[in-house]
C-alpha atoms as a PDB file:
ATOM      1  CA  MET A   1     -16.996   8.454  13.799  1.00  0.00           C
ATOM      2  CA  LEU A   2     -17.155  12.115  14.787  1.00  0.00           C
ATOM      3  CA  SER A   3     -15.563  11.953  18.065  1.00  0.00           C
ATOM      4  CA  SER A   4     -12.137  13.131  17.611  1.00  0.00           C
ATOM      5  CA  ILE A   5     -13.402  16.357  15.890  1.00  0.00           C
ATOM      6  CA  GLY A   6     -14.128  19.801  17.972  1.00  0.00           C
ATOM      7  CA  ASN A   7     -14.066  23.407  18.012  1.00  0.00           C
ATOM      8  CA  TYR A   8     -10.822  24.587  18.904  1.00  0.00           C
ATOM      9  CA  PHE A   9     -12.135  27.865  20.633  1.00  0.00           C
ATOM     10  CA  GLU A  10     -13.908  25.630  22.997  1.00  0.00           C
ATOM     11  CA  ARG A  11     -10.979  24.816  25.362  1.00  0.00           C
ATOM     12  CA  LEU A  12      -9.726  28.606  24.836  1.00  0.00           C
ATOM     13  CA  VAL A  13     -13.283  29.982  25.494  1.00  0.00           C
ATOM     14  CA  MET A  14     -13.476  27.910  28.894  1.00  0.00           C
ATOM     15  CA  GLU A  15      -9.610  28.933  30.212  1.00  0.00           C
ATOM     16  CA  ARG A  16     -10.669  32.822  29.586  1.00  0.00           C
ATOM     17  CA  LEU A  17     -13.712  32.657  31.285  1.00  0.00           C
ATOM     18  CA  HIS A  18     -11.919  30.607  34.332  1.00  0.00           C
ATOM     19  CA  ASP A  19      -9.446  33.043  34.435  1.00  0.00           C
ATOM     20  CA  THR A  20     -11.671  36.159  33.991  1.00  0.00           C
ATOM     21  CA  LEU A  21     -14.173  34.976  36.450  1.00  0.00           C
ATOM     22  CA  ASP A  22     -11.416  34.103  38.979  1.00  0.00           C
ATOM     23  CA  GLU A  23      -9.871  37.617  38.654  1.00  0.00           C
ATOM     24  CA  ASN A  24     -12.890  39.225  39.679  1.00  0.00           C
ATOM     25  CA  GLY A  25     -13.023  37.114  42.851  1.00  0.00           C
ATOM     26  CA  ASN A  26     -16.232  35.190  41.256  1.00  0.00           C
ATOM     27  CA  PRO A  27     -16.520  31.412  42.169  1.00  0.00           C
ATOM     28  CA  LEU A  28     -16.578  29.234  38.701  1.00  0.00           C
ATOM     29  CA  ASP A  29     -20.641  27.964  39.278  1.00  0.00           C
ATOM     30  CA  ALA A  30     -20.737  25.410  36.368  1.00  0.00           C
ATOM     31  CA  GLU A  31     -24.410  26.177  35.095  1.00  0.00           C
ATOM     32  CA  TYR A  32     -23.408  30.059  34.690  1.00  0.00           C
ATOM     33  CA  ALA A  33     -20.024  29.143  33.469  1.00  0.00           C
ATOM     34  CA  GLU A  34     -21.528  26.774  30.552  1.00  0.00           C
ATOM     35  CA  ASP A  35     -24.072  29.368  29.780  1.00  0.00           C
ATOM     36  CA  LEU A  36     -21.816  31.956  29.306  1.00  0.00           C
ATOM     37  CA  ALA A  37     -19.333  29.469  27.106  1.00  0.00           C
ATOM     38  CA  CYS A  38     -22.466  29.211  24.954  1.00  0.00           C
ATOM     39  CA  VAL A  39     -23.091  32.925  24.190  1.00  0.00           C
ATOM     40  CA  ALA A  40     -18.943  33.603  23.807  1.00  0.00           C
ATOM     41  CA  LEU A  41     -18.997  30.345  21.350  1.00  0.00           C
ATOM     42  CA  ASN A  42     -21.989  31.501  19.343  1.00  0.00           C
ATOM     43  CA  TYR A  43     -19.781  35.127  19.131  1.00  0.00           C
ATOM     44  CA  LEU A  44     -16.884  33.225  17.498  1.00  0.00           C
ATOM     45  CA  PRO A  45     -16.619  31.387  14.124  1.00  0.00           C
ATOM     46  CA  PRO A  46     -16.560  27.543  14.605  1.00  0.00           C
ATOM     47  CA  ARG A  47     -13.023  26.483  13.963  1.00  0.00           C
ATOM     48  CA  TYR A  48     -13.171  23.018  13.962  1.00  0.00           C
ATOM     49  CA  VAL A  49     -10.418  20.482  14.280  1.00  0.00           C
ATOM     50  CA  ARG A  50      -9.201  16.841  14.910  1.00  0.00           C
ATOM     51  CA  HIS A  51      -6.070  17.664  17.217  1.00  0.00           C
ATOM     52  CA  SER A  52      -5.735  21.364  18.654  1.00  0.00           C
ATOM     53  CA  VAL A  53      -2.079  20.786  18.545  1.00  0.00           C
ATOM     54  CA  ASP A  54      -2.184  20.659  14.877  1.00  0.00           C
ATOM     55  CA  LEU A  55      -4.022  24.342  14.725  1.00  0.00           C
ATOM     56  CA  ALA A  56      -1.491  25.595  16.874  1.00  0.00           C
ATOM     57  CA  SER A  57       1.663  24.293  15.307  1.00  0.00           C
ATOM     58  CA  HIS A  58       0.461  26.007  12.112  1.00  0.00           C
ATOM     59  CA  LEU A  59      -0.242  29.489  13.762  1.00  0.00           C
ATOM     60  CA  SER A  60       2.385  32.324  14.228  1.00  0.00           C
ATOM     61  CA  ASP A  61       2.537  34.059  16.982  1.00  0.00           C
ATOM     62  CA  ALA A  62       0.596  36.748  15.677  1.00  0.00           C
ATOM     63  CA  ASP A  63      -2.219  34.876  14.497  1.00  0.00           C
ATOM     64  CA  GLN A  64      -2.323  33.190  18.064  1.00  0.00           C
ATOM     65  CA  ARG A  65      -2.587  36.622  19.633  1.00  0.00           C
ATOM     66  CA  ASN A  66      -5.433  37.291  17.599  1.00  0.00           C
ATOM     67  CA  LEU A  67      -7.382  34.004  18.387  1.00  0.00           C
ATOM     68  CA  LEU A  68      -6.616  35.479  21.955  1.00  0.00           C
ATOM     69  CA  GLU A  69      -7.883  38.760  21.764  1.00  0.00           C
ATOM     70  CA  GLU A  70     -11.150  37.392  19.370  1.00  0.00           C
ATOM     71  CA  VAL A  71     -11.546  34.809  22.436  1.00  0.00           C
ATOM     72  CA  SER A  72     -11.442  37.557  25.035  1.00  0.00           C
ATOM     73  CA  ASP A  73     -13.629  39.749  23.169  1.00  0.00           C
ATOM     74  CA  ALA A  74     -16.527  36.918  22.859  1.00  0.00           C
ATOM     75  CA  VAL A  75     -16.172  36.101  26.712  1.00  0.00           C
ATOM     76  CA  ASN A  76     -16.307  39.894  27.704  1.00  0.00           C
ATOM     77  CA  PHE A  77     -19.460  40.114  25.166  1.00  0.00           C
ATOM     78  CA  ALA A  78     -20.736  36.960  27.172  1.00  0.00           C
ATOM     79  CA  LEU A  79     -20.470  38.551  30.319  1.00  0.00           C
ATOM     80  CA  ALA A  80     -21.942  41.818  29.373  1.00  0.00           C
ATOM     81  CA  THR A  81     -24.849  40.139  27.572  1.00  0.00           C
ATOM     82  CA  THR A  82     -26.089  38.276  30.638  1.00  0.00           C
ATOM     83  CA  ARG A  83     -25.530  40.860  33.045  1.00  0.00           C
ATOM     84  CA  ARG A  84     -27.871  43.176  30.641  1.00  0.00           C
ATOM     85  CA  ARG A  85     -30.034  40.033  30.570  1.00  0.00           C
ATOM     86  CA  GLN A  86     -30.042  40.037  34.242  1.00  0.00           C
ATOM     87  CA  LYS A  87     -30.618  43.472  34.909  1.00  0.00           C
ATOM     88  CA  VAL A  88     -33.879  43.156  32.517  1.00  0.00           C
ATOM     89  CA  ARG A  89     -34.975  40.498  34.371  1.00  0.00           C
ATOM     90  CA  ASN A  90     -34.752  41.897  37.819  1.00  0.00           C
ATOM     91  CA  LEU A  91     -36.664  44.989  36.572  1.00  0.00           C
ATOM     92  CA  ASP A  92     -39.184  42.656  34.870  1.00  0.00           C
ATOM     93  CA  LEU A  93     -39.545  40.779  38.719  1.00  0.00           C
ATOM     94  CA  GLY A  94     -39.500  44.337  40.848  1.00  0.00           C
END
């Protein structure tokens, strides 16, 4: 019944993750990307929509830029968080 409802940020986060990891020369490992996406999506407020074009068509250019900035901040937070956690794990193992 709810299959047409989704979080607007999911696609934006995955696109930003892909772009960010490509920029850094890192291949997009599916499991790592999914972990990062979960952290980033939990950082953002949910924005549920039936059709993403419905929301996009009602956003001003400034609102769209703000959403993309929020997504970028969330992805950067996710990257920093996972790197920090990995360092802690490495210290615990070493």
